[in-house]
Amino acid sequence: MPFLDLRGLRRRHAEEEQRRAEEESRRAAEAEQKAREEERRRAEAARRAAEEKKRAEAARRKADEEARRYMAADIDQLDGIIDKFMDYARPGESHMRPIHLSMLIDKEASAFRDPSEIRITSKVAIDLKVMADEVELGRVFANLFENARRYGRSSDTGIAVVTVSYVRSGPWIICTVRDHGSGVPPDRLPQLTTPFFRGDAARTAATGAGLGLAIVEKAMQRMGGQLDLANAPDGGLMLHLRLKRAP
């Protein structure tokens, strides 16, 4: 009968048991690693989903804000057009009294605050007075400044550079509002004060009711004055307001 090596058998058995234990430990570690990777993958997917949700919400808010801005702009434009119609249809009575012209010009110019669009310089003497309806004359200058802001911008800077000056002519004050834009073809100058007329493309780059200068002319007539238009020799439009000099 062959001799049995019990020690060898026990050692091999122990080695096999150790290998099985090590294999099970390795498999358990691999399973744990896969579980951690799956957890990280799910966490990353959740993070990306949350970021995408935030981006979608931000885009929706931006779209809502833009829609509100466009709606507000449309409403403002409609309000402006309605105001123009009301100004043009205003009754003819004016309340004439001496007005400090320089102060009134400065007040109306202060509403145009964006220097990237329009820059207004007044050369009117601070003690100069004219006979006018203060509200009417304020509308006159507001319309002239708005007209210059829209249509009188310089081609090289894109800014409307406006100068307000004056001369005395007997009982009259001739106040001139001048821009440095492209001007207007001479044959179209008389039409600029026609209601709803809008000049060439260079001076109709923005939306409007086509009543601004018509309102100015009508207001000047109500105050016993006159509006004259001319192109400046070196470019731009000049609007001459003939106002009665205050005593």
Protein backbone atom coordinates (compact mmCIF):
# COMPACT_ATOMS: atom_id res chain seq x y z
CA MET A 1 0.00 0.00 0.00
CA PRO A 2 1.51 3.36 -1.10
CA PHE A 3 2.47 5.89 1.57
CA LEU A 4 0.08 8.86 1.91
CA ASP A 5 1.70 12.26 2.41
CA LEU A 6 -0.89 13.78 4.74
CA ARG A 7 1.13 16.90 5.30
CA GLY A 8 1.37 17.53 1.57
CA LEU A 9 -2.35 17.02 1.15
CA ARG A 10 -3.13 19.38 3.98
CA ARG A 11 -0.76 22.01 2.53
CA ARG A 12 -2.25 21.78 -0.95
CA HIS A 13 -5.72 21.93 0.52
CA ALA A 14 -4.78 25.03 2.49
CA GLU A 15 -3.25 26.60 -0.62
CA GLU A 16 -6.40 25.93 -2.63
CA GLU A 17 -8.54 27.38 0.13
CA GLN A 18 -6.33 30.50 0.18
CA ARG A 19 -6.59 30.84 -3.60
CA ARG A 20 -10.37 30.52 -3.43
CA ALA A 21 -10.51 33.11 -0.65
CA GLU A 22 -8.26 35.45 -2.65
CA GLU A 23 -10.38 34.95 -5.78
CA GLU A 24 -13.56 35.66 -3.84
CA SER A 25 -11.95 38.75 -2.32
CA ARG A 26 -10.85 39.92 -5.79
CA ARG A 27 -14.34 39.37 -7.19
CA ALA A 28 -15.89 41.21 -4.26
CA ALA A 29 -13.46 44.13 -4.79
CA GLU A 30 -14.30 44.21 -8.50
CA ALA A 31 -18.01 44.15 -7.73
CA GLU A 32 -17.56 46.97 -5.21
CA GLN A 33 -15.52 48.97 -7.76
CA LYS A 34 -18.24 48.46 -10.38
CA ALA A 35 -20.87 49.56 -7.89
CA ARG A 36 -18.90 52.73 -7.09
CA GLU A 37 -18.42 53.45 -10.80
CA GLU A 38 -22.14 52.94 -11.41
CA GLU A 39 -22.92 55.27 -8.51
CA ARG A 40 -20.53 57.88 -9.94
CA ARG A 41 -22.10 57.47 -13.38
CA ARG A 42 -25.58 57.96 -11.98
CA ALA A 43 -24.44 60.99 -9.95
CA GLU A 44 -22.81 62.50 -13.05
CA ALA A 45 -25.97 61.85 -15.05
CA ALA A 46 -28.06 63.51 -12.33
CA ARG A 47 -25.66 66.50 -12.24
CA ARG A 48 -25.85 66.90 -16.02
CA ALA A 49 -29.63 66.63 -15.92
CA ALA A 50 -29.76 69.31 -13.21
CA GLU A 51 -27.45 71.60 -15.23
CA GLU A 52 -29.51 71.04 -18.37
CA LYS A 53 -32.65 71.89 -16.40
CA LYS A 54 -31.01 75.09 -15.13
CA ARG A 55 -29.94 76.03 -18.66
CA ALA A 56 -33.44 75.35 -19.96
CA GLU A 57 -34.98 77.46 -17.18
CA ALA A 58 -32.46 80.27 -17.81
CA ALA A 59 -33.22 80.17 -21.54
CA ARG A 60 -36.95 80.25 -20.81
CA ARG A 61 -36.53 83.20 -18.43
CA LYS A 62 -34.41 85.01 -21.02
CA ALA A 63 -37.02 84.35 -23.70
CA ASP A 64 -39.76 85.59 -21.35
CA GLU A 65 -37.72 88.72 -20.54
CA GLU A 66 -37.08 89.40 -24.21
CA ALA A 67 -40.75 88.90 -25.00
CA ARG A 68 -41.66 91.33 -22.21
CA ARG A 69 -39.12 93.87 -23.50
CA TYR A 70 -40.45 93.60 -27.04
CA MET A 71 -44.00 93.93 -25.77
CA ALA A 72 -43.08 96.97 -23.67
CA ALA A 73 -41.30 98.52 -26.67
CA ASP A 74 -44.36 97.92 -28.85
CA ILE A 75 -46.61 99.49 -26.22
CA ASP A 76 -44.27 102.48 -25.87
CA GLN A 77 -44.22 102.91 -29.63
CA LEU A 78 -48.01 102.80 -29.81
CA ASP A 79 -48.25 105.26 -26.92
CA GLY A 80 -45.82 107.55 -28.73
CA ILE A 81 -47.83 107.41 -31.95
CA ILE A 82 -51.07 108.12 -30.06
CA ASP A 83 -49.38 111.06 -28.32
CA LYS A 84 -48.29 112.39 -31.73
CA PHE A 85 -51.84 112.19 -33.04
CA MET A 86 -53.12 113.99 -29.93
CA ASP A 87 -50.45 116.68 -30.25
CA TYR A 88 -51.30 117.24 -33.89
CA ALA A 89 -55.03 117.40 -33.18
CA ARG A 90 -54.60 119.70 -30.17
CA PRO A 91 -56.90 122.77 -30.19
CA GLY A 92 -55.42 126.01 -31.51
CA GLU A 93 -55.48 128.16 -28.35
CA SER A 94 -52.05 128.97 -26.85
CA HIS A 95 -51.17 130.70 -23.58
CA MET A 96 -48.48 133.18 -24.55
CA ARG A 97 -46.06 134.63 -22.00
CA PRO A 98 -42.34 135.47 -21.77
CA ILE A 99 -40.25 132.27 -21.68
CA HIS A 100 -36.55 131.89 -20.85
CA LEU A 101 -35.53 130.11 -24.06
CA SER A 102 -32.22 128.73 -22.78
CA MET A 103 -33.81 127.17 -19.69
CA LEU A 104 -36.55 125.53 -21.74
CA ILE A 105 -34.03 124.12 -24.24
CA ASP A 106 -31.88 122.71 -21.42
CA LYS A 107 -34.95 121.11 -19.84
CA GLU A 108 -35.99 119.35 -23.04
CA ALA A 109 -32.41 118.35 -23.90
CA SER A 110 -32.00 116.71 -20.47
CA ALA A 111 -34.44 113.97 -21.55
CA PHE A 112 -31.92 112.80 -24.18
CA ARG A 113 -29.25 111.40 -21.87
CA ASP A 114 -27.53 108.75 -24.01
CA PRO A 115 -24.35 110.32 -25.48
CA SER A 116 -23.89 107.32 -27.75
CA GLU A 117 -27.06 108.41 -29.62
CA ILE A 118 -27.28 112.20 -29.39
CA ARG A 119 -25.26 115.12 -28.04
CA ILE A 120 -26.97 118.50 -27.76
CA THR A 121 -25.14 121.81 -27.34
CA SER A 122 -27.04 125.03 -26.76
CA LYS A 123 -25.50 128.41 -27.60
CA VAL A 124 -28.57 130.38 -26.57
CA ALA A 125 -27.99 133.27 -24.16
CA ILE A 126 -29.29 132.54 -20.67
CA ASP A 127 -31.17 135.85 -20.45
CA LEU A 128 -32.94 135.53 -23.82
CA LYS A 129 -36.74 135.56 -23.60
CA VAL A 130 -39.36 134.86 -26.26
CA MET A 131 -43.13 135.07 -26.31
CA ALA A 132 -44.45 131.53 -26.42
CA ASP A 133 -46.66 128.90 -24.86
CA GLU A 134 -44.23 127.02 -22.60
CA VAL A 135 -45.87 123.62 -23.12
CA GLU A 136 -46.14 124.10 -26.89
CA LEU A 137 -42.55 125.28 -27.23
CA GLY A 138 -41.36 122.38 -25.08
CA ARG A 139 -43.06 119.97 -27.49
CA VAL A 140 -41.43 121.76 -30.40
CA PHE A 141 -37.91 121.20 -29.09
CA ALA A 142 -38.69 117.66 -27.90
CA ASN A 143 -39.84 116.76 -31.43
CA LEU A 144 -36.82 118.42 -33.06
CA PHE A 145 -34.37 116.62 -30.77
CA GLU A 146 -36.14 113.30 -31.36
CA ASN A 147 -36.08 113.91 -35.11
CA ALA A 148 -32.33 114.57 -34.94
CA ARG A 149 -31.75 111.49 -32.76
CA ARG A 150 -33.54 109.27 -35.25
CA TYR A 151 -32.51 110.73 -38.58
CA GLY A 152 -29.65 113.19 -38.05
CA ARG A 153 -26.82 110.89 -36.98
CA SER A 154 -23.38 111.46 -38.43
CA SER A 155 -22.29 108.76 -40.90
CA ASP A 156 -18.82 108.44 -39.36
CA THR A 157 -19.74 108.22 -35.64
CA GLY A 158 -23.41 107.16 -35.69
CA ILE A 159 -24.10 109.95 -33.17
CA ALA A 160 -26.48 112.86 -33.71
CA VAL A 161 -24.49 116.00 -32.91
CA VAL A 162 -27.01 118.81 -32.45
CA THR A 163 -26.33 122.51 -32.05
CA VAL A 164 -28.94 125.06 -30.97
CA SER A 165 -28.08 128.67 -31.82
CA TYR A 166 -29.94 131.95 -32.37
CA VAL A 167 -29.84 135.37 -33.99
CA ARG A 168 -31.89 138.50 -33.39
CA SER A 169 -33.83 139.90 -36.35
CA GLY A 170 -35.82 142.99 -35.37
CA PRO A 171 -38.79 141.87 -33.26
CA TRP A 172 -37.98 138.23 -33.94
CA ILE A 173 -35.64 135.59 -32.56
CA ILE A 174 -34.51 133.02 -35.10
CA CYS A 175 -33.55 129.88 -33.16
CA THR A 176 -31.82 127.21 -35.26
CA VAL A 177 -31.62 123.51 -34.42
CA ARG A 178 -28.98 121.92 -36.62
CA ASP A 179 -27.77 118.32 -36.94
CA HIS A 180 -24.84 116.89 -38.93
CA GLY A 181 -26.63 114.04 -40.64
CA SER A 182 -27.11 113.42 -44.35
CA GLY A 183 -29.60 116.24 -44.88
CA VAL A 184 -32.59 115.97 -47.22
CA PRO A 185 -32.87 116.31 -51.01
CA PRO A 186 -33.87 119.96 -51.67
CA ASP A 187 -37.03 119.01 -53.54
CA ARG A 188 -38.26 117.09 -50.49
CA LEU A 189 -37.68 119.78 -47.88
CA PRO A 190 -41.18 121.31 -48.26
CA GLN A 191 -42.74 117.87 -47.78
CA LEU A 192 -41.12 117.17 -44.40
CA THR A 193 -43.86 119.08 -42.59
CA THR A 194 -46.63 117.23 -44.42
CA PRO A 195 -48.44 114.86 -42.00
CA PHE A 196 -47.37 111.23 -42.41
CA PHE A 197 -44.64 112.09 -44.92
CA ARG A 198 -41.25 110.52 -44.23
CA GLY A 199 -38.18 111.50 -46.20
CA ASP A 200 -35.55 109.43 -47.96
CA ALA A 201 -34.08 106.23 -46.53
CA ALA A 202 -31.24 108.03 -44.77
CA ARG A 203 -33.68 110.00 -42.62
CA THR A 204 -36.23 107.23 -42.09
CA ALA A 205 -33.99 104.65 -40.44
CA ALA A 206 -36.30 104.36 -37.44
CA THR A 207 -40.00 103.84 -37.01
CA GLY A 208 -42.24 106.83 -36.44
CA ALA A 209 -45.68 108.24 -37.05
CA GLY A 210 -44.52 110.79 -39.61
CA LEU A 211 -46.00 113.64 -37.54
CA GLY A 212 -43.01 115.11 -35.70
CA LEU A 213 -42.23 118.07 -37.95
CA ALA A 214 -45.90 118.56 -38.82
CA ILE A 215 -46.57 119.00 -35.10
CA VAL A 216 -43.67 121.48 -34.87
CA GLU A 217 -44.97 123.58 -37.76
CA LYS A 218 -48.54 123.63 -36.40
CA ALA A 219 -47.35 124.56 -32.90
CA MET A 220 -45.21 127.39 -34.30
CA GLN A 221 -48.20 128.72 -36.24
CA ARG A 222 -50.39 128.61 -33.11
CA MET A 223 -47.78 130.75 -31.32
CA GLY A 224 -47.64 133.25 -34.18
CA GLY A 225 -44.25 132.00 -35.34
CA GLN A 226 -42.87 130.06 -38.26
CA LEU A 227 -40.78 126.98 -39.09
CA ASP A 228 -38.32 127.01 -41.98
CA LEU A 229 -36.12 124.11 -43.12
CA ALA A 230 -32.86 124.14 -45.02
CA ASN A 231 -29.84 121.97 -45.65
CA ALA A 232 -26.60 123.15 -44.06
CA PRO A 233 -23.89 124.00 -46.62
CA ASP A 234 -21.51 121.45 -45.10
CA GLY A 235 -24.13 118.77 -44.44
CA GLY A 236 -27.01 118.23 -42.07
CA LEU A 237 -30.48 119.68 -41.62
CA MET A 238 -31.20 123.13 -40.16
CA LEU A 239 -34.60 123.92 -38.66
CA HIS A 240 -35.21 127.62 -38.09
CA LEU A 241 -37.80 128.63 -35.49
CA ARG A 242 -39.06 132.20 -35.84
CA LEU A 243 -40.27 133.32 -32.42
CA LYS A 244 -41.50 136.66 -31.16
CA ARG A 245 -39.00 138.44 -28.97
CA ALA A 246 -40.32 139.14 -25.48
CA PRO A 247 -40.43 142.82 -24.45
